[in-house]
């Protein structure tokens, strides 16, 4: 059975699964398109070009006929798990008879995490979906049937990010305003918080936000001009202190329910955009409430097309688990040859690249197929040595982003306990760890943590070769790793864009598939 699945709305994507194996997962924002982009004709054409036959099932994720979840539903719509949350009907696709499947956006999140979790036939799970709109727990039985347990909090992701909007004088007034990247910025800023008890002003602001339903559509921030954080500035210490307590308050509501009601010790599956919050993931893993915790590399809407495909597979075959690889995107496109008058090109040798990085150079690394989800996991990365604060400053300047944003490390999984303490085994960069070495200044956030990705030869042989060579030369099997993208756009995926980016913003060299490219000496 070949299933072709599409996700409408922001974070649009197209995936294909055949007989339980993921063939590809394409995202509209990748290849230097705007972040959070909707499905484009270009993406549809490229996806069609990767198939050698017509699908048996076309799966369309439930969505809405507009920008907001309260608008009229498209297909099965946004919300719902049980009756009415799935549709199956006959139809035509390029003139061929197919089944048209749809299930709600809510189900897409549940089945992303279920289908990508390590295979465990007959295993029961708890599932948590927390994202911009949904904040709910579920139970999944041994057959893969999901049942709703409890609605905990409306709009947890939107409410988390709203504190940043409240403090930022640049956030526009009016209802229906939202910026997708505020949550990630706030996660960085919570690391600057000073310890201390919750103040009455903080309590009032946090309670107002958490208890307000429909916060995006129904609240314009000037209605909170009474708050001590209103336009206080995200650089202010009072905002940063409150941001950490706001984060703790949201997590606390979910934890309190889980501690009281989820008492069977089942594994927990996490999905939804809040699954990108590394601090919350760490807290769940350390809570002791669950036998294990699994978060997929694409817990946000970038994984929704895949979740709908998995749901369709489960509906037609009774099996949710799929075989997958995180590097499921498109191959890097070598559309031009670097100008030989400007660049020296030679075969990739890991030791040469490691020395180049050790000597202080920053490179763009683009090899093979791009990774699923929003995190650079070693195939579309900017890499640098991890030792100096100057490197952090330079990387943030290259990325054109705020100086408070931390730089993540990539490390050999076998060596990671030398450099980090916490959720050390982390192939998808989803947990915070504490850094143990004072020499790793470029990847250590102000609070002593890092968002680590660990690699093995089985998962990424090329990066493993580079880290082993870097270890041989420096004693450290750690590098800075940040995403290879223009600000506000998805991963670069062709040589022409990569060279233009590097020349504009100051990369010192490139690895393009199996080629090492450096500027010629003037």
Protein backbone atom coordinates (compact mmCIF):
# COMPACT_ATOMS: atom_id res chain seq x y z
CA UNK A 1 0.00 0.00 0.00
CA UNK A 2 1.35 3.39 -1.02
CA UNK A 3 0.03 6.33 1.00
CA UNK A 4 0.59 9.94 -0.11
CA UNK A 5 -0.23 12.43 2.63
CA UNK A 6 -0.49 16.23 2.66
CA UNK A 7 -0.81 18.82 5.41
CA UNK A 8 -2.56 22.12 4.70
CA UNK A 9 -1.88 25.41 6.44
CA UNK A 10 1.34 26.60 8.00
CA UNK A 11 4.21 24.10 8.15
CA UNK A 12 2.84 22.46 5.03
CA UNK A 13 4.33 19.15 4.03
CA UNK A 14 3.98 16.07 1.84
CA UNK A 15 5.06 12.54 2.78
CA UNK A 16 4.85 9.08 1.28
CA UNK A 17 4.76 5.73 3.11
CA UNK A 18 4.86 2.41 1.28
CA UNK A 19 4.24 -0.88 3.07
CA UNK A 20 5.20 0.59 6.43
CA UNK A 21 8.35 2.39 5.26
CA UNK A 22 8.73 6.16 5.01
CA UNK A 23 9.88 7.05 1.49
CA UNK A 24 10.19 10.81 1.94
CA UNK A 25 9.05 13.72 4.09
CA UNK A 26 9.12 17.07 2.30
CA UNK A 27 8.42 20.40 3.96
CA UNK A 28 7.33 23.57 2.20
CA UNK A 29 9.80 25.78 4.04
CA UNK A 30 12.86 23.73 3.06
CA UNK A 31 15.01 24.74 0.08
CA UNK A 32 15.15 28.37 1.25
CA UNK A 33 11.38 29.00 1.28
CA UNK A 34 9.74 31.12 4.03
CA UNK A 35 9.48 29.49 7.44
CA UNK A 36 6.11 27.90 8.21
CA UNK A 37 5.16 28.06 4.52
CA UNK A 38 1.97 26.47 3.17
CA UNK A 39 2.07 23.75 0.52
CA UNK A 40 3.32 25.18 -2.77
CA UNK A 41 2.98 23.98 -6.34
CA UNK A 42 6.76 23.58 -6.39
CA UNK A 43 6.63 21.17 -3.46
CA UNK A 44 3.80 19.16 -5.01
CA UNK A 45 5.71 18.85 -8.27
CA UNK A 46 8.86 17.67 -6.51
CA UNK A 47 6.93 15.15 -4.43
CA UNK A 48 5.24 13.74 -7.54
CA UNK A 49 8.66 13.40 -9.15
CA UNK A 50 9.82 11.17 -6.29
CA UNK A 51 7.05 8.60 -6.88
CA UNK A 52 7.19 5.98 -9.61
CA UNK A 53 3.52 5.03 -9.38
CA UNK A 54 0.19 6.41 -8.27
CA UNK A 55 -0.78 6.07 -4.60
CA UNK A 56 -3.44 3.72 -3.29
CA UNK A 57 -4.44 6.20 -0.59
CA UNK A 58 -4.37 9.99 -0.60
CA UNK A 59 -4.43 11.24 2.99
CA UNK A 60 -5.42 14.85 3.64
CA UNK A 61 -4.87 16.12 7.14
CA UNK A 62 -7.86 17.81 8.70
CA UNK A 63 -7.51 21.57 8.88
CA UNK A 64 -9.65 24.72 8.66
CA UNK A 65 -10.71 27.02 5.81
CA UNK A 66 -8.73 29.96 7.05
CA UNK A 67 -5.94 31.07 9.33
CA UNK A 68 -7.39 30.20 12.73
CA UNK A 69 -8.59 26.94 14.27
CA UNK A 70 -12.05 28.36 15.03
CA UNK A 71 -12.88 28.75 11.32
CA UNK A 72 -15.00 26.23 9.33
CA UNK A 73 -13.36 22.82 9.03
CA UNK A 74 -11.64 21.45 5.94
CA UNK A 75 -12.22 17.69 5.67
CA UNK A 76 -12.24 16.33 9.24
CA UNK A 77 -11.09 19.64 10.71
CA UNK A 78 -8.78 20.56 13.54
CA UNK A 79 -10.16 19.02 16.73
CA UNK A 80 -11.42 15.59 17.73
CA UNK A 81 -10.21 12.07 18.40
CA UNK A 82 -13.22 9.74 18.47
CA UNK A 83 -16.37 9.58 16.40
CA UNK A 84 -16.25 11.80 13.33
CA UNK A 85 -12.49 12.32 13.55
CA UNK A 86 -11.77 10.02 10.57
CA UNK A 87 -13.23 9.92 7.07
CA UNK A 88 -12.71 7.35 4.30
CA UNK A 89 -14.23 7.61 0.86
CA UNK A 90 -13.66 6.57 -2.74
CA UNK A 91 -12.23 9.08 -5.17
CA UNK A 92 -10.01 9.68 -8.18
CA UNK A 93 -6.37 10.76 -8.31
CA UNK A 94 -4.98 11.41 -11.84
CA UNK A 95 -7.89 9.32 -13.10
CA UNK A 96 -7.11 6.30 -10.93
CA UNK A 97 -9.41 4.93 -8.22
CA UNK A 98 -8.00 5.70 -4.76
CA UNK A 99 -9.21 5.94 -1.20
CA UNK A 100 -9.33 9.45 0.21
CA UNK A 101 -8.54 9.41 3.91
CA UNK A 102 -8.67 12.28 6.38
CA UNK A 103 -8.30 12.59 10.10
CA UNK A 104 -8.21 15.59 12.38
CA UNK A 105 -5.17 17.70 13.06
CA UNK A 106 -5.40 16.58 16.67
CA UNK A 107 -5.04 12.94 15.61
CA UNK A 108 -2.10 13.79 13.33
CA UNK A 109 -0.06 14.76 16.39
CA UNK A 110 -1.02 11.64 18.33
CA UNK A 111 -0.11 9.30 15.48
CA UNK A 112 3.15 11.05 14.61
CA UNK A 113 4.57 10.09 17.98
CA UNK A 114 2.93 6.64 18.04
CA UNK A 115 4.12 5.61 14.57
CA UNK A 116 7.67 6.90 15.06
CA UNK A 117 8.15 5.46 18.56
CA UNK A 118 10.36 2.36 18.84
CA UNK A 119 8.41 -0.71 17.74
CA UNK A 120 6.69 -2.40 20.68
CA UNK A 121 3.74 -4.55 19.50
CA UNK A 122 0.85 -4.58 21.96
CA UNK A 123 2.31 -1.74 24.06
CA UNK A 124 -0.11 0.72 25.67
CA UNK A 125 0.84 4.38 26.00
CA UNK A 126 -0.10 7.71 27.41
CA UNK A 127 -0.04 10.50 24.84
CA UNK A 128 0.34 14.23 25.41
CA UNK A 129 -0.48 16.71 22.65
CA UNK A 130 0.40 20.27 23.53
CA UNK A 131 0.66 22.91 20.84
CA UNK A 132 -0.69 26.34 19.94
CA UNK A 133 -4.31 25.32 20.52
CA UNK A 134 -4.47 21.82 22.05
CA UNK A 135 -3.33 20.84 25.53
CA UNK A 136 -4.68 17.33 26.24
CA UNK A 137 -3.78 13.83 27.45
CA UNK A 138 -4.85 10.56 25.78
CA UNK A 139 -4.50 6.84 26.32
CA UNK A 140 -3.54 4.53 23.46
CA UNK A 141 -4.56 0.89 23.82
CA UNK A 142 -2.70 -2.21 22.64
CA UNK A 143 -4.39 -1.98 19.21
CA UNK A 144 -3.32 1.62 18.64
CA UNK A 145 -6.72 3.18 19.35
CA UNK A 146 -6.46 6.61 20.97
CA UNK A 147 -8.97 7.70 23.60
CA UNK A 148 -9.18 11.20 25.01
CA UNK A 149 -8.49 11.44 28.74
CA UNK A 150 -8.41 15.07 29.80
CA UNK A 151 -8.27 18.60 28.47
CA UNK A 152 -5.73 20.37 30.69
CA UNK A 153 -5.10 23.81 29.18
CA UNK A 154 -6.35 25.68 26.12
CA UNK A 155 -3.70 27.19 23.84
CA UNK A 156 -0.60 26.18 25.88
CA UNK A 157 1.84 27.06 23.09
CA UNK A 158 0.17 30.37 22.34
CA UNK A 159 0.00 31.22 26.04
CA UNK A 160 3.67 30.38 26.50
CA UNK A 161 4.67 32.73 23.68
CA UNK A 162 2.25 35.48 24.71
CA UNK A 163 4.46 36.63 27.57
CA UNK A 164 7.18 37.48 25.03
CA UNK A 165 4.65 39.48 23.00
CA UNK A 166 3.45 41.28 26.11
CA UNK A 167 6.98 42.42 27.00
CA UNK A 168 8.09 43.23 23.45
CA UNK A 169 7.31 46.86 22.46
CA UNK A 170 7.58 45.80 18.82
CA UNK A 171 4.69 43.33 18.99
CA UNK A 172 1.69 44.80 17.13
CA UNK A 173 -1.52 45.75 18.86
CA UNK A 174 -4.82 44.19 17.89
CA UNK A 175 -6.46 40.81 18.11
CA UNK A 176 -5.39 37.84 15.99
CA UNK A 177 -1.66 38.64 16.15
CA UNK A 178 0.88 35.84 16.55
CA UNK A 179 4.55 35.19 15.78
CA UNK A 180 5.65 31.56 15.53
CA UNK A 181 9.25 32.25 16.50
CA UNK A 182 8.53 33.97 19.83
CA UNK A 183 8.38 30.68 21.75
CA UNK A 184 11.93 29.71 20.78
CA UNK A 185 13.26 33.11 21.76
CA UNK A 186 11.53 32.93 25.12
CA UNK A 187 12.96 29.45 25.75
CA UNK A 188 16.43 31.00 25.35
CA UNK A 189 15.62 33.94 27.60
CA UNK A 190 14.38 31.82 30.50
CA UNK A 191 17.99 30.77 30.98
CA UNK A 192 18.76 34.34 32.12
CA UNK A 193 16.24 34.22 34.98
CA UNK A 194 17.35 34.93 38.53
CA UNK A 195 16.05 32.61 41.26
CA UNK A 196 13.38 33.95 43.56
CA UNK A 197 9.79 33.49 44.73
CA UNK A 198 6.80 34.30 42.56
CA UNK A 199 5.81 37.92 43.12
CA UNK A 200 2.17 39.09 43.31
CA UNK A 201 2.59 40.99 40.03
CA UNK A 202 4.00 37.92 38.31
CA UNK A 203 1.22 35.74 39.71
CA UNK A 204 -1.46 38.13 38.47
CA UNK A 205 -0.02 38.29 34.94
CA UNK A 206 0.59 34.56 34.63
CA UNK A 207 -2.83 33.61 35.99
CA UNK A 208 -4.56 36.05 33.65
CA UNK A 209 -2.86 34.56 30.59
CA UNK A 210 -3.34 30.92 31.60
CA UNK A 211 -7.00 31.35 32.53
CA UNK A 212 -7.91 33.26 29.35
CA UNK A 213 -9.35 31.14 26.52
CA UNK A 214 -8.98 32.17 22.89
CA UNK A 215 -5.94 34.26 23.64
CA UNK A 216 -4.84 34.85 20.03
CA UNK A 217 -8.23 35.84 18.62
CA UNK A 218 -9.74 37.35 21.73
CA UNK A 219 -6.96 39.40 23.35
CA UNK A 220 -5.11 42.45 22.14
CA UNK A 221 -2.12 43.11 24.31
CA UNK A 222 -3.11 46.67 25.24
CA UNK A 223 -5.85 45.05 27.32
CA UNK A 224 -2.96 43.95 29.57
CA UNK A 225 -1.41 47.39 29.88
CA UNK A 226 -1.98 47.00 33.64
CA UNK A 227 0.73 44.32 33.79
CA UNK A 228 4.20 45.26 35.03
CA UNK A 229 5.54 43.39 31.97
CA UNK A 230 3.62 45.42 29.38
CA UNK A 231 6.28 46.68 26.93
CA UNK A 232 8.92 46.13 29.62
CA UNK A 233 11.31 44.80 26.99
CA UNK A 234 12.51 41.24 26.54
CA UNK A 235 15.97 42.43 27.62
CA UNK A 236 14.63 43.41 31.06
CA UNK A 237 15.41 41.21 34.02
CA UNK A 238 11.84 41.42 35.31
CA UNK A 239 10.57 39.88 32.07
CA UNK A 240 13.22 37.16 32.09
CA UNK A 241 12.44 36.23 35.68
CA UNK A 242 8.72 36.07 34.92
CA UNK A 243 9.32 34.05 31.74
CA UNK A 244 10.92 31.22 33.71
CA UNK A 245 8.06 31.20 36.23
CA UNK A 246 5.50 31.36 33.41
CA UNK A 247 7.12 28.28 31.88
CA UNK A 248 7.05 26.48 35.23
CA UNK A 249 3.37 27.36 35.70
CA UNK A 250 2.34 25.89 32.34
CA UNK A 251 4.34 22.71 32.88
CA UNK A 252 2.97 22.48 36.42
CA UNK A 253 -0.64 22.27 35.26
CA UNK A 254 0.14 19.27 33.05
CA UNK A 255 2.44 17.64 35.58
CA UNK A 256 -0.15 17.96 38.36
CA UNK A 257 -2.76 16.17 36.26
CA UNK A 258 -0.31 13.45 35.22
CA UNK A 259 0.94 12.86 38.75
CA UNK A 260 -2.59 12.43 40.05
CA UNK A 261 -4.17 10.48 37.19
CA UNK A 262 -1.55 8.79 34.99
CA UNK A 263 -0.52 6.21 37.55
CA UNK A 264 0.09 3.07 35.47
CA UNK A 265 3.69 3.91 34.60
CA UNK A 266 3.09 3.55 30.85
CA UNK A 267 5.47 5.15 28.32
CA UNK A 268 4.63 8.75 27.43
CA UNK A 269 4.48 9.94 23.82
CA UNK A 270 4.81 13.71 23.37
CA UNK A 271 3.82 15.72 20.30
CA UNK A 272 2.72 19.21 19.33
CA UNK A 273 4.93 22.28 19.08
CA UNK A 274 5.54 22.33 22.84
CA UNK A 275 7.44 19.10 22.26
CA UNK A 276 10.27 21.36 21.05
CA UNK A 277 10.62 22.85 24.55
CA UNK A 278 13.80 21.14 25.76
CA UNK A 279 13.29 22.09 29.39
CA UNK A 280 9.81 20.58 29.53
CA UNK A 281 11.02 17.40 27.79
CA UNK A 282 13.79 17.10 30.37
CA UNK A 283 11.30 17.56 33.21
CA UNK A 284 9.02 14.84 31.82
CA UNK A 285 11.93 12.44 31.45
CA UNK A 286 13.10 13.17 35.00
CA UNK A 287 9.60 13.11 36.55
CA UNK A 288 9.62 9.37 37.25
CA UNK A 289 5.97 9.12 36.21
CA UNK A 290 6.55 7.11 33.04
CA UNK A 291 8.60 4.07 32.08
CA UNK A 292 10.00 6.06 29.13
CA UNK A 293 9.40 9.31 27.25
CA UNK A 294 9.51 9.59 23.46
CA UNK A 295 9.46 12.81 21.46
CA UNK A 296 9.78 12.55 17.65
CA UNK A 297 12.14 14.89 15.78
CA UNK A 298 9.12 16.61 14.18
CA UNK A 299 6.63 17.03 17.06
CA UNK A 300 5.29 20.33 15.74
CA UNK A 301 3.19 20.75 12.59
CA UNK A 302 6.19 19.82 10.43
CA UNK A 303 5.29 16.23 11.37
CA UNK A 304 1.55 16.50 10.78
CA UNK A 305 1.53 15.18 7.21
CA UNK A 306 3.44 12.16 8.48
CA UNK A 307 1.03 11.74 11.39
CA UNK A 308 -1.94 11.67 9.03
CA UNK A 309 -0.16 9.11 6.83
CA UNK A 310 0.52 6.94 9.90
CA UNK A 311 -3.12 7.29 10.97
CA UNK A 312 -4.19 6.17 7.47
CA UNK A 313 -1.85 3.18 7.62
CA UNK A 314 -3.28 2.24 11.01
CA UNK A 315 -6.84 2.63 9.72
CA UNK A 316 -6.33 0.37 6.70
CA UNK A 317 -3.84 -2.18 8.08
CA UNK A 318 -4.12 -2.08 11.87
CA UNK A 319 -0.41 -1.21 12.16
CA UNK A 320 0.82 2.23 13.21
CA UNK A 321 4.57 1.67 13.53
CA UNK A 322 6.68 2.72 10.55
CA UNK A 323 10.29 2.28 9.50
CA UNK A 324 11.86 5.71 9.19
CA UNK A 325 15.05 7.73 9.06
CA UNK A 326 15.30 11.34 10.19
CA UNK A 327 17.12 12.22 6.95
CA UNK A 328 14.01 11.73 4.83
CA UNK A 329 13.98 14.98 2.86
CA UNK A 330 15.41 15.77 -0.55
CA UNK A 331 19.01 15.31 -1.63
CA UNK A 332 21.18 18.42 -1.71
CA UNK A 333 21.04 19.89 -5.23
CA UNK A 334 24.39 20.67 -6.85
CA UNK A 335 22.97 23.13 -9.35
CA UNK A 336 26.20 25.09 -9.92
CA UNK A 337 29.93 24.47 -9.61
CA UNK A 338 31.82 26.79 -7.24
CA UNK A 339 33.79 29.33 -9.30
CA UNK A 340 37.28 27.80 -9.70
CA UNK A 341 38.81 31.27 -9.81
CA UNK A 342 37.51 31.93 -6.30
CA UNK A 343 37.38 28.49 -4.69
CA UNK A 344 39.61 25.49 -4.25
CA UNK A 345 37.67 22.22 -4.47
CA UNK A 346 38.90 18.78 -3.35
CA UNK A 347 37.49 15.49 -2.10
CA UNK A 348 36.16 15.51 1.45
CA UNK A 349 38.68 14.23 4.00
CA UNK A 350 37.40 14.42 7.58
CA UNK A 351 40.79 15.22 9.10
CA UNK A 352 41.29 18.19 6.76
CA UNK A 353 37.89 19.63 7.59
CA UNK A 354 38.46 19.06 11.31
CA UNK A 355 41.76 20.98 11.16
CA UNK A 356 40.11 23.79 9.21
CA UNK A 357 37.45 24.09 11.91
CA UNK A 358 40.02 23.76 14.72
CA UNK A 359 41.89 26.72 13.20
CA UNK A 360 38.84 28.92 13.77
CA UNK A 361 36.96 28.62 10.50
CA UNK A 362 33.17 28.30 10.27
CA UNK A 363 31.73 26.13 7.51
CA UNK A 364 28.42 25.24 5.91
CA UNK A 365 27.91 21.46 5.87
CA UNK A 366 25.35 20.11 3.37
CA UNK A 367 25.32 16.39 2.68
CA UNK A 368 22.69 13.90 1.55
CA UNK A 369 19.00 14.35 2.32
CA UNK A 370 17.79 17.07 4.64
CA UNK A 371 16.45 16.20 8.05
CA UNK A 372 12.82 16.13 9.18
CA UNK A 373 11.59 18.82 11.51
CA UNK A 374 12.98 22.25 12.43
CA UNK A 375 16.32 21.23 14.00
CA UNK A 376 19.60 20.91 12.09
CA UNK A 377 20.74 17.36 12.82
CA UNK A 378 23.99 17.17 10.89
CA UNK A 379 22.98 17.25 7.23
CA UNK A 380 22.14 20.97 6.89
CA UNK A 381 24.38 22.55 9.50
CA UNK A 382 26.77 25.40 10.17
CA UNK A 383 29.70 23.92 12.10
CA UNK A 384 32.39 25.57 14.21
CA UNK A 385 34.80 24.86 17.05
CA UNK A 386 33.07 24.95 20.47
CA UNK A 387 35.66 26.78 22.56
CA UNK A 388 35.18 30.57 22.57
CA UNK A 389 32.45 33.09 23.22
CA UNK A 390 33.68 34.95 20.14
CA UNK A 391 32.51 31.96 18.08
CA UNK A 392 29.02 32.25 19.57
CA UNK A 393 28.94 35.95 18.73
CA UNK A 394 30.10 35.33 15.20
CA UNK A 395 27.62 32.51 14.60
CA UNK A 396 24.70 34.65 15.79
CA UNK A 397 25.93 37.43 13.50
CA UNK A 398 26.05 35.01 10.55
CA UNK A 399 22.55 33.81 11.45
CA UNK A 400 21.37 37.45 11.93
CA UNK A 401 19.70 36.69 15.20
CA UNK A 402 19.71 38.03 18.74
CA UNK A 403 22.87 37.76 20.83
CA UNK A 404 21.03 35.94 23.62
CA UNK A 405 20.31 32.93 21.41
CA UNK A 406 22.46 29.91 22.41
CA UNK A 407 24.38 27.73 19.98
CA UNK A 408 23.72 24.00 20.19
CA UNK A 409 26.43 21.31 20.26
CA UNK A 410 26.68 18.13 18.24
CA UNK A 411 28.65 15.36 19.94
CA UNK A 412 29.62 11.73 19.66
CA UNK A 413 27.09 9.79 21.68
CA UNK A 414 29.78 7.49 23.09
CA UNK A 415 31.70 10.47 24.51
CA UNK A 416 28.76 12.69 25.48
CA UNK A 417 28.82 11.77 29.22
CA UNK A 418 32.28 13.37 29.38
CA UNK A 419 30.91 16.75 28.38
CA UNK A 420 27.26 16.73 29.49
CA UNK A 421 25.06 15.63 32.38
CA UNK A 422 21.33 14.95 31.98
CA UNK A 423 19.39 13.48 29.06
CA UNK A 424 22.66 12.71 27.33
CA UNK A 425 21.41 10.33 24.63
CA UNK A 426 19.55 12.76 22.39
CA UNK A 427 19.69 12.13 18.63
CA UNK A 428 17.12 14.83 17.79
CA UNK A 429 18.24 17.77 19.97
CA UNK A 430 15.15 17.78 22.20
CA UNK A 431 16.52 17.94 25.76
CA UNK A 432 18.67 20.27 27.84
CA UNK A 433 21.85 18.99 29.44
CA UNK A 434 24.30 20.62 31.84
CA UNK A 435 27.76 21.23 30.39
CA UNK A 436 30.59 19.83 32.52
CA UNK A 437 33.62 21.40 30.79
CA UNK A 438 34.57 25.06 31.16
CA UNK A 439 36.35 24.83 27.80
CA UNK A 440 33.10 24.47 25.82
CA UNK A 441 32.21 28.16 26.06
CA UNK A 442 30.67 28.52 22.60
CA UNK A 443 27.91 25.98 23.28
CA UNK A 444 27.23 26.75 26.96
CA UNK A 445 24.20 28.92 27.65
CA UNK A 446 24.22 31.48 30.45
CA UNK A 447 22.56 28.96 32.81
CA UNK A 448 25.20 26.29 32.13
CA UNK A 449 23.02 24.18 29.82
CA UNK A 450 23.16 23.10 26.19
CA UNK A 451 20.64 21.61 23.75
CA UNK A 452 22.75 18.65 22.71
CA UNK A 453 22.47 16.39 19.68
CA UNK A 454 24.30 13.09 19.96
CA UNK A 455 25.31 11.04 16.93
CA UNK A 456 26.47 7.51 16.19
CA UNK A 457 28.03 6.02 13.10
CA UNK A 458 24.79 4.17 12.37
CA UNK A 459 22.78 7.40 12.32
CA UNK A 460 25.25 9.74 10.59
CA UNK A 461 28.58 8.32 9.45
CA UNK A 462 29.87 11.56 7.93
CA UNK A 463 29.43 13.65 11.06
CA UNK A 464 30.86 10.79 13.13
CA UNK A 465 34.01 10.78 10.99
CA UNK A 466 34.36 14.54 11.46
CA UNK A 467 33.84 14.41 15.24
CA UNK A 468 36.33 11.57 15.61
CA UNK A 469 38.91 13.52 13.60
CA UNK A 470 38.24 16.65 15.66
CA UNK A 471 38.68 14.61 18.85
CA UNK A 472 42.01 13.29 17.63
CA UNK A 473 43.23 16.84 17.05
CA UNK A 474 41.71 18.62 20.07
CA UNK A 475 40.63 15.99 22.60
CA UNK A 476 36.98 17.10 22.22
CA UNK A 477 34.35 15.23 20.18
CA UNK A 478 32.01 18.25 20.20
CA UNK A 479 31.26 20.94 17.62
CA UNK A 480 28.94 23.94 17.39
CA UNK A 481 25.96 23.02 15.23
CA UNK A 482 23.35 25.50 14.09
CA UNK A 483 20.94 25.31 11.18
CA UNK A 484 22.06 26.18 7.66
CA UNK A 485 19.37 28.66 6.71
CA UNK A 486 18.62 32.28 5.99
CA UNK A 487 16.86 34.08 8.80
CA UNK A 488 13.14 33.41 8.45
CA UNK A 489 13.58 30.64 5.87
CA UNK A 490 14.00 26.88 5.82
CA UNK A 491 17.22 24.92 5.24
CA UNK A 492 19.31 25.76 2.20
CA UNK A 493 19.23 22.92 -0.29
CA UNK A 494 21.22 23.92 -3.36
CA UNK A 495 24.78 25.02 -4.06
CA UNK A 496 23.82 28.38 -5.57
CA UNK A 497 21.95 29.43 -2.43
CA UNK A 498 24.73 28.10 -0.19
CA UNK A 499 27.53 30.00 -1.95
CA UNK A 500 25.48 33.21 -2.00
CA UNK A 501 24.72 32.80 1.71
CA UNK A 502 28.34 32.16 2.60
CA UNK A 503 29.65 35.10 0.62
CA UNK A 504 27.00 37.43 2.03
CA UNK A 505 27.22 36.48 5.70
CA UNK A 506 30.77 35.25 6.10
CA UNK A 507 31.15 31.48 6.00
CA UNK A 508 34.75 30.35 5.58
CA UNK A 509 34.11 27.20 3.58
CA UNK A 510 31.66 24.50 2.61
CA UNK A 511 31.24 20.76 2.57
CA UNK A 512 28.93 19.91 -0.34
CA UNK A 513 28.14 16.21 -0.33
CA UNK A 514 31.59 14.61 -0.78
CA UNK A 515 33.46 17.80 -1.68
CA UNK A 516 35.37 20.27 0.52
CA UNK A 517 35.32 23.85 -0.81
CA UNK A 518 37.44 26.73 0.54
CA UNK A 519 38.26 30.21 -0.79
CA UNK A 520 41.51 30.56 -2.69
CA UNK A 521 44.14 32.72 -1.04
CA UNK A 522 44.05 36.24 -2.42
